[in-house]
Amino acid sequence: MGVIFFIANSINAQETVSDFFLTAFEDQSLLTYDTRINFLKPSNFRIPVIDEIEVRAGNDDQTYEDLQYAFRVRPSNPWKIRRNNALFNATKKELDIRRKIEFKENLISRYELLTTYFFEQSIFDLITKQQLLISKKASIFQENMESDLFDARDFAEAKLDQIEGLEKMDEALVQWNQTQQRISTILNRTDFDWSSFNLITVDQIDNISSRISNSSFNSVELDLVAQRMEVARQEVRVEKADFDIGFLQAEYFPFTNRDSEIGYSIGFTIPIFQNNRPQIAERKLDELELKSELDNEQRIDSVKKLLEYEHLKNLILHHRMITEEVNKIDLETLINNLARIEDYDPIAIIELQEGILKIDEILLKSQQRVLEQYLDFLFIFDVIIEQPLINYLSDSLTTIQ
């Protein structure tokens, strides 16, 4: 006996599941990153070739004939220019990785919302079926008050079960409607119908997770730490190159008795003493701290991947054990046999049918646990953002496009 997620909606299909996943690209959080990335242009961060231009006038003897002019150019440190460009590229790459992580968060939230939608709809469907059986049982008692079939205590209990069932149905419907509203808000429209969507099975999850666990996927969180370390390293290099290299100066002596009225001078700076040593030390400490953080995160990432996979395998095994036990009970065969008896008890048949629905609910919740862990597994392995994007909730693993 298997569990199938029942999807029903009276609205015509307008938005597919792929459309829903694609809204992760349009999330406001990503637009904020796009604005920042677009601002990160080389022209906004490039150090000019000339650091300073200075015009001088001098007169040592306080006479008109001693008047002299000078035009001094102080070029920027070429090492600082080159290292600043490297820092810019590293910073931009860090922002790109942060955007990728944000997209990953947006996408997994939609995976979780989609799973919740299917689960809550299936729960509502089960409760509705349970309520129909309870109402049928109460009707049989009410129609047979004068027969041996009637039992006042069982009749009263059936009526109370009807009331309790209405409460459960109302709660399930409210939760499902809330999830639909959240999806509608993201899609910016209400006309979506996913009744034709086939959810991935537990057996498929087992096969896919085994394949993924044996593959190598880069962790964007680790990439971020590594890139932050690279940014810190480039900041150290920029700080070390933060000194003047000297100047070039053209001089003009219009009234002096010299063979040439024009001269020049040049100066070089030897950076023996740097006044930004505290800043260099601070950036270096940041780099060392991030290196330690990266080593630690790499160990944690390996352990988390192993634990997430093992937990998923255990839940899959647990689901299969439950399914095997359900198949041994085989209530459907028992119902068919009782129905062929000439004087069968209709109340007994209904109670067995209620038992089947309870079993379906147990299997449904077991399947939901597997799905939730499956999403955690996909998230930690970063496969949901691998290109081309794959819908890992679809039984056919369709491409998101």
Protein backbone atom coordinates (compact mmCIF):
# COMPACT_ATOMS: atom_id res chain seq x y z
CA MET A 1 0.00 0.00 0.00
CA GLY A 2 1.63 3.25 -1.04
CA VAL A 3 0.95 6.87 -0.25
CA ILE A 4 0.30 9.32 -3.06
CA PHE A 5 0.17 13.07 -2.53
CA PHE A 6 -3.28 14.06 -3.73
CA ILE A 7 -3.27 17.38 -5.57
CA ALA A 8 -6.57 19.01 -6.48
CA ASN A 9 -7.39 22.56 -7.44
CA SER A 10 -10.32 24.02 -9.33
CA ILE A 11 -8.31 26.83 -10.88
CA ASN A 12 -6.84 26.35 -14.34
CA ALA A 13 -3.08 25.91 -14.50
CA GLN A 14 -1.21 29.11 -15.17
CA GLU A 15 2.01 28.86 -13.19
CA THR A 16 4.15 25.74 -13.13
CA VAL A 17 6.38 24.53 -10.33
CA SER A 18 9.38 25.64 -12.40
CA ASP A 19 7.90 29.15 -12.55
CA PHE A 20 7.66 29.11 -8.78
CA PHE A 21 11.32 28.10 -8.41
CA LEU A 22 12.40 30.75 -10.92
CA THR A 23 11.02 33.48 -8.67
CA ALA A 24 14.10 32.87 -6.52
CA PHE A 25 15.97 34.95 -9.11
CA GLU A 26 13.58 37.86 -8.57
CA ASP A 27 13.71 38.00 -4.79
CA GLN A 28 14.28 41.46 -3.33
CA SER A 29 17.35 40.26 -1.45
CA LEU A 30 19.01 39.37 -4.76
CA LEU A 31 18.08 42.70 -6.29
CA THR A 32 19.91 44.39 -3.43
CA TYR A 33 23.02 42.38 -4.21
CA ASP A 34 22.66 43.19 -7.91
CA THR A 35 22.63 46.89 -7.09
CA ARG A 36 25.81 46.56 -5.08
CA ILE A 37 27.51 44.44 -7.73
CA ASN A 38 26.57 46.92 -10.46
CA PHE A 39 28.13 49.71 -8.40
CA LEU A 40 31.36 47.72 -8.13
CA LYS A 41 32.89 49.06 -11.33
CA PRO A 42 36.65 49.45 -11.82
CA SER A 43 36.20 53.17 -12.46
CA ASN A 44 34.70 53.65 -9.00
CA PHE A 45 37.62 52.01 -7.21
CA ARG A 46 40.60 52.59 -9.49
CA ILE A 47 43.47 54.55 -8.01
CA PRO A 48 44.51 57.38 -10.39
CA VAL A 49 47.96 57.21 -11.96
CA ILE A 50 48.78 60.68 -10.59
CA ASP A 51 48.31 61.05 -6.88
CA GLU A 52 48.96 64.75 -6.56
CA ILE A 53 49.78 67.81 -8.69
CA GLU A 54 51.39 70.80 -7.06
CA VAL A 55 52.24 74.24 -8.46
CA ARG A 56 54.92 76.17 -6.58
CA ALA A 57 56.30 79.71 -6.70
CA GLY A 58 59.39 80.82 -4.84
CA ASN A 59 61.51 83.92 -4.23
CA ASP A 60 64.53 83.49 -1.95
CA ASP A 61 65.98 87.05 -2.18
CA GLN A 62 62.66 88.85 -2.26
CA THR A 63 63.57 90.44 -5.60
CA TYR A 64 61.75 90.34 -8.90
CA GLU A 65 64.73 88.78 -10.65
CA ASP A 66 64.78 85.87 -8.19
CA LEU A 67 61.23 84.76 -8.97
CA GLN A 68 60.98 81.05 -9.84
CA TYR A 69 58.19 78.56 -10.57
CA ALA A 70 57.88 74.81 -10.15
CA PHE A 71 55.38 72.19 -11.30
CA ARG A 72 55.51 69.02 -9.20
CA VAL A 73 53.81 65.73 -10.03
CA ARG A 74 53.58 62.98 -7.47
CA PRO A 75 52.70 59.69 -9.23
CA SER A 76 50.75 57.00 -7.44
CA ASN A 77 52.57 53.93 -6.25
CA PRO A 78 52.34 51.43 -9.16
CA TRP A 79 52.47 48.49 -6.73
CA LYS A 80 49.53 49.98 -4.84
CA ILE A 81 47.59 50.48 -8.08
CA ARG A 82 48.15 46.88 -9.14
CA ARG A 83 47.35 45.50 -5.68
CA ASN A 84 44.28 47.68 -5.36
CA ASN A 85 42.99 46.25 -8.65
CA ALA A 86 43.52 42.76 -7.24
CA LEU A 87 41.65 43.79 -4.08
CA PHE A 88 38.78 45.11 -6.19
CA ASN A 89 38.50 41.81 -8.09
CA ALA A 90 38.63 39.82 -4.85
CA THR A 91 35.95 42.02 -3.27
CA LYS A 92 33.68 41.68 -6.29
CA LYS A 93 34.10 37.91 -6.27
CA GLU A 94 33.22 37.83 -2.55
CA LEU A 95 30.03 39.76 -3.28
CA ASP A 96 29.20 37.35 -6.10
CA ILE A 97 29.57 34.41 -3.71
CA ARG A 98 27.39 36.15 -1.10
CA ARG A 99 24.74 36.62 -3.79
CA LYS A 100 25.02 32.93 -4.66
CA ILE A 101 24.45 31.97 -1.03
CA GLU A 102 21.42 34.28 -0.88
CA PHE A 103 20.03 32.63 -4.01
CA LYS A 104 20.59 29.24 -2.43
CA GLU A 105 18.62 30.34 0.65
CA ASN A 106 15.81 31.68 -1.54
CA LEU A 107 15.65 28.48 -3.55
CA ILE A 108 15.62 26.10 -0.57
CA SER A 109 12.85 28.16 1.06
CA ARG A 110 10.75 27.56 -2.04
CA TYR A 111 11.56 23.85 -1.93
CA GLU A 112 10.37 23.76 1.68
CA LEU A 113 7.23 25.75 0.91
CA LEU A 114 6.38 23.48 -2.01
CA THR A 115 6.81 20.37 0.14
CA THR A 116 4.62 21.90 2.84
CA TYR A 117 1.95 22.70 0.25
CA PHE A 118 1.75 19.10 -0.96
CA PHE A 119 1.87 17.66 2.56
CA GLU A 120 -0.86 19.94 3.95
CA GLN A 121 -3.08 19.29 0.95
CA SER A 122 -2.66 15.54 1.41
CA ILE A 123 -3.42 15.80 5.13
CA PHE A 124 -6.56 17.78 4.36
CA ASP A 125 -7.63 15.14 1.86
CA LEU A 126 -7.09 12.35 4.42
CA ILE A 127 -9.05 14.19 7.11
CA THR A 128 -11.88 14.78 4.63
CA LYS A 129 -12.03 11.06 3.87
CA GLN A 130 -11.95 10.25 7.59
CA GLN A 131 -14.82 12.68 8.18
CA LEU A 132 -16.89 11.05 5.43
CA LEU A 133 -16.45 7.64 7.06
CA ILE A 134 -17.39 9.01 10.49
CA SER A 135 -20.52 10.63 9.02
CA LYS A 136 -21.38 7.39 7.26
CA LYS A 137 -21.01 5.46 10.52
CA ALA A 138 -23.25 7.93 12.38
CA SER A 139 -25.86 7.72 9.61
CA ILE A 140 -25.93 3.92 9.80
CA PHE A 141 -26.52 4.06 13.57
CA GLN A 142 -29.24 6.66 13.15
CA GLU A 143 -31.02 4.64 10.45
CA ASN A 144 -30.90 1.43 12.50
CA MET A 145 -31.97 2.58 15.97
CA GLU A 146 -34.49 -0.26 16.27
CA SER A 147 -32.13 -3.02 15.17
CA ASP A 148 -29.49 -5.05 16.97
CA LEU A 149 -26.86 -3.05 15.07
CA PHE A 150 -27.60 0.08 17.09
CA ASP A 151 -25.47 0.90 20.11
CA ALA A 152 -26.21 4.17 21.91
CA ARG A 153 -22.70 4.57 23.25
CA ASP A 154 -21.11 3.94 19.82
CA PHE A 155 -23.62 6.32 18.22
CA ALA A 156 -22.75 9.09 20.69
CA GLU A 157 -19.06 8.45 20.13
CA ALA A 158 -19.53 8.70 16.35
CA LYS A 159 -21.28 12.05 16.75
CA LEU A 160 -18.47 13.35 18.97
CA ASP A 161 -15.93 12.09 16.40
CA GLN A 162 -17.81 14.11 13.78
CA ILE A 163 -17.35 17.28 15.83
CA GLU A 164 -13.67 16.53 16.44
CA GLY A 165 -13.22 15.78 12.74
CA LEU A 166 -14.73 19.14 11.79
CA GLU A 167 -12.21 20.85 14.05
CA LYS A 168 -9.32 18.94 12.49
CA MET A 169 -10.59 19.65 8.98
CA ASP A 170 -10.90 23.36 9.74
CA GLU A 171 -7.36 23.55 11.15
CA ALA A 172 -5.94 21.64 8.19
CA LEU A 173 -7.77 23.85 5.71
CA VAL A 174 -6.57 27.04 7.41
CA GLN A 175 -2.95 25.86 7.33
CA TRP A 176 -3.22 24.81 3.71
CA ASN A 177 -4.83 28.13 2.73
CA GLN A 178 -2.03 30.02 4.49
CA THR A 179 0.56 28.09 2.51
CA GLN A 180 -1.34 28.75 -0.72
CA GLN A 181 -1.41 32.45 0.14
CA ARG A 182 2.34 32.50 0.69
CA ILE A 183 2.87 30.85 -2.68
CA SER A 184 0.44 33.27 -4.35
CA THR A 185 2.31 36.20 -2.84
CA ILE A 186 5.60 34.94 -4.25
CA LEU A 187 4.07 34.21 -7.67
CA ASN A 188 2.11 37.47 -7.53
CA ARG A 189 -0.95 35.63 -8.81
CA THR A 190 -3.45 33.05 -7.57
CA ASP A 191 -4.09 30.98 -10.69
CA PHE A 192 -1.77 28.06 -10.15
CA ASP A 193 -2.66 24.39 -10.33
CA TRP A 194 -0.05 21.74 -9.64
CA SER A 195 -2.33 18.71 -9.87
CA SER A 196 -0.22 17.23 -12.68
CA PHE A 197 3.01 17.47 -10.72
CA ASN A 198 4.41 14.08 -9.69
CA LEU A 199 6.39 14.22 -6.48
CA ILE A 200 9.60 12.25 -6.14
CA THR A 201 9.29 8.85 -4.44
CA VAL A 202 11.27 7.55 -1.48
CA ASP A 203 13.02 4.98 -3.68
CA GLN A 204 14.09 7.74 -6.07
CA ILE A 205 15.37 9.79 -3.16
CA ASP A 206 17.46 6.81 -2.06
CA ASN A 207 19.06 6.48 -5.51
CA ILE A 208 19.64 10.20 -6.02
CA SER A 209 21.13 10.76 -2.57
CA SER A 210 23.53 7.83 -3.07
CA ARG A 211 24.72 9.32 -6.35
CA ILE A 212 25.11 12.80 -4.85
CA SER A 213 26.98 11.57 -1.78
CA ASN A 214 29.56 9.93 -4.04
CA SER A 215 30.09 13.11 -6.04
CA SER A 216 32.11 16.18 -5.20
CA PHE A 217 30.29 19.50 -4.83
CA ASN A 218 31.92 22.73 -3.76
CA SER A 219 30.39 24.37 -0.72
CA VAL A 220 29.56 28.02 -1.39
CA GLU A 221 29.86 28.72 2.34
CA LEU A 222 33.44 27.42 2.25
CA ASP A 223 34.05 29.40 -0.92
CA LEU A 224 32.93 32.52 0.91
CA VAL A 225 35.32 31.99 3.82
CA ALA A 226 38.17 31.30 1.37
CA GLN A 227 37.33 34.44 -0.59
CA ARG A 228 37.11 36.55 2.57
CA MET A 229 40.59 35.28 3.40
CA GLU A 230 41.75 36.32 -0.08
CA VAL A 231 40.26 39.79 0.42
CA ALA A 232 42.11 40.11 3.73
CA ARG A 233 45.34 39.01 2.03
CA GLN A 234 44.91 41.61 -0.69
CA GLU A 235 44.18 44.27 1.94
CA VAL A 236 47.51 43.43 3.60
CA ARG A 237 49.30 43.82 0.26
CA VAL A 238 47.61 47.17 -0.40
CA GLU A 239 48.57 48.45 3.06
CA LYS A 240 52.18 47.42 2.51
CA ALA A 241 52.26 49.36 -0.75
CA ASP A 242 50.68 52.44 0.78
CA PHE A 243 53.66 54.82 0.58
CA ASP A 244 54.80 57.63 -1.70
CA ILE A 245 57.39 56.65 -4.27
CA GLY A 246 58.63 60.18 -4.87
CA PHE A 247 58.01 63.02 -7.28
CA LEU A 248 58.89 64.63 -10.61
CA GLN A 249 59.31 68.38 -10.73
CA ALA A 250 59.71 70.83 -13.62
CA GLU A 251 61.26 74.21 -12.70
CA TYR A 252 61.22 77.58 -14.47
CA PHE A 253 63.56 80.50 -13.67
CA PRO A 254 62.46 83.34 -15.99
CA PHE A 255 64.78 86.10 -14.69
CA THR A 256 67.93 84.40 -13.55
CA ASN A 257 71.20 84.64 -15.41
CA ARG A 258 71.53 80.97 -16.33
CA ASP A 259 72.27 79.03 -19.46
CA SER A 260 68.76 77.54 -19.26
CA GLU A 261 65.65 78.94 -17.70
CA ILE A 262 64.18 75.45 -17.31
CA GLY A 263 65.26 72.73 -14.91
CA TYR A 264 63.96 69.65 -13.29
CA SER A 265 64.32 67.62 -10.13
CA ILE A 266 63.32 64.15 -9.08
CA GLY A 267 62.93 62.49 -5.70
CA PHE A 268 62.52 58.92 -4.48
CA THR A 269 60.99 57.76 -1.21
CA ILE A 270 62.61 54.88 0.65
CA PRO A 271 59.90 53.26 2.85
CA ILE A 272 62.11 52.36 5.80
CA PHE A 273 59.56 53.47 8.38
CA GLN A 274 55.87 52.92 7.63
CA ASN A 275 53.33 54.74 9.72
CA ASN A 276 50.58 52.24 8.83
CA ARG A 277 52.14 49.25 10.57
CA PRO A 278 49.15 48.92 12.95
CA GLN A 279 46.80 48.67 9.95
CA ILE A 280 49.05 46.06 8.31
CA ALA A 281 49.11 44.02 11.50
CA GLU A 282 45.34 44.26 11.86
CA ARG A 283 44.74 43.05 8.29
CA LYS A 284 47.22 40.24 8.79
CA LEU A 285 45.40 39.13 11.92
CA ASP A 286 42.16 39.08 9.93
CA GLU A 287 43.80 36.87 7.33
CA LEU A 288 45.15 34.45 9.92
CA GLU A 289 41.80 34.31 11.71
CA LEU A 290 39.98 33.53 8.46
CA LYS A 291 42.50 30.83 7.60
CA SER A 292 41.78 29.16 10.93
CA GLU A 293 38.04 29.58 10.32
CA LEU A 294 38.35 27.97 6.88
CA ASP A 295 40.20 24.95 8.26
CA ASN A 296 37.56 24.54 10.95
CA GLU A 297 34.65 24.99 8.52
CA GLN A 298 36.13 22.39 6.16
CA ARG A 299 36.14 19.82 8.96
CA ILE A 300 32.61 20.75 10.03
CA ASP A 301 31.36 20.62 6.44
CA SER A 302 32.69 17.08 5.95
CA VAL A 303 31.09 15.88 9.17
CA LYS A 304 27.76 17.58 8.41
CA LYS A 305 27.58 16.00 4.98
CA LEU A 306 28.21 12.58 6.46
CA LEU A 307 25.63 13.05 9.23
CA GLU A 308 22.95 14.46 6.93
CA TYR A 309 23.37 11.54 4.54
CA GLU A 310 23.31 8.93 7.31
CA HIS A 311 20.21 10.46 8.85
CA LEU A 312 18.48 10.44 5.46
CA LYS A 313 19.39 6.78 4.93
CA ASN A 314 17.99 5.91 8.37
CA LEU A 315 14.69 7.67 7.64
CA ILE A 316 14.42 5.87 4.29
CA LEU A 317 15.06 2.54 6.01
CA HIS A 318 12.47 3.40 8.67
CA HIS A 319 9.90 4.26 5.97
CA ARG A 320 10.49 0.94 4.22
CA MET A 321 10.09 -0.97 7.48
CA ILE A 322 6.75 0.73 8.11
CA THR A 323 5.64 -0.03 4.55
CA GLU A 324 6.54 -3.70 4.97
CA GLU A 325 4.55 -3.93 8.22
CA VAL A 326 1.56 -2.26 6.57
CA ASN A 327 1.66 -4.74 3.71
CA LYS A 328 1.63 -7.60 6.25
CA ILE A 329 -1.54 -6.24 7.87
CA ASP A 330 -3.31 -6.08 4.47
CA LEU A 331 -6.57 -4.50 5.66
CA GLU A 332 -7.90 -4.15 2.12
CA THR A 333 -8.00 -7.93 1.63
CA LEU A 334 -9.75 -8.30 4.97
CA ILE A 335 -12.37 -5.73 3.96
CA ASN A 336 -13.02 -7.52 0.67
CA ASN A 337 -13.46 -10.84 2.47
CA LEU A 338 -15.87 -9.38 5.05
CA ALA A 339 -17.91 -7.68 2.33
CA ARG A 340 -18.57 -11.07 0.69
CA ILE A 341 -20.12 -12.47 3.90
CA GLU A 342 -23.91 -12.52 3.69
CA ASP A 343 -24.59 -10.93 7.09
CA TYR A 344 -21.52 -8.67 7.26
CA ASP A 345 -21.34 -5.84 9.77
CA PRO A 346 -21.18 -2.48 7.90
CA ILE A 347 -19.81 -0.75 11.00
CA ALA A 348 -16.88 -3.19 11.09
CA ILE A 349 -16.17 -2.46 7.42
CA ILE A 350 -16.15 1.29 8.09
CA GLU A 351 -13.84 0.90 11.08
CA LEU A 352 -11.41 -1.11 8.97
CA GLN A 353 -11.56 1.60 6.29
CA GLU A 354 -10.77 4.13 9.01
CA GLY A 355 -7.80 1.96 9.92
CA ILE A 356 -6.56 2.13 6.32
CA LEU A 357 -6.74 5.93 6.41
CA LYS A 358 -4.78 5.97 9.67
CA ILE A 359 -2.13 3.81 8.03
CA ASP A 360 -2.06 6.20 5.07
CA GLU A 361 -1.51 9.07 7.48
CA ILE A 362 1.36 7.23 9.17
CA LEU A 363 2.99 6.55 5.82
CA LEU A 364 2.37 10.12 4.69
CA LYS A 365 4.09 11.57 7.75
CA SER A 366 6.96 9.11 7.34
CA GLN A 367 7.32 10.19 3.72
CA GLN A 368 7.24 13.83 4.82
CA ARG A 369 10.11 13.24 7.26
CA VAL A 370 12.14 11.71 4.45
CA LEU A 371 11.38 14.67 2.18
CA GLU A 372 12.34 17.24 4.80
CA GLN A 373 15.63 15.48 5.49
CA TYR A 374 16.16 15.14 1.74
CA LEU A 375 15.93 18.93 1.41
CA ASP A 376 18.48 19.39 4.21
CA PHE A 377 20.72 16.92 2.39
CA LEU A 378 20.38 18.80 -0.92
CA PHE A 379 21.12 22.07 0.84
CA ILE A 380 24.29 20.92 2.58
CA PHE A 381 25.61 19.35 -0.64
CA ASP A 382 24.79 22.52 -2.65
CA VAL A 383 23.32 20.53 -5.55
CA ILE A 384 20.19 22.70 -5.87
CA ILE A 385 22.24 25.58 -7.31
CA GLU A 386 24.31 23.51 -9.71
CA GLN A 387 23.79 24.52 -13.34
CA PRO A 388 21.58 23.63 -15.07
CA LEU A 389 19.07 23.93 -12.25
CA ILE A 390 17.23 20.68 -11.58
CA ASN A 391 13.89 20.26 -9.84
CA TYR A 392 14.86 17.70 -7.22
CA LEU A 393 11.24 17.30 -6.06
CA SER A 394 10.08 16.11 -9.46
CA ASP A 395 9.97 12.37 -10.07
CA SER A 396 11.50 13.00 -13.52
CA LEU A 397 14.09 15.50 -12.25
CA THR A 398 13.02 18.07 -14.81
CA THR A 399 15.14 21.10 -15.62
CA ILE A 400 14.01 24.38 -14.07
CA GLN A 401 13.60 26.76 -17.00
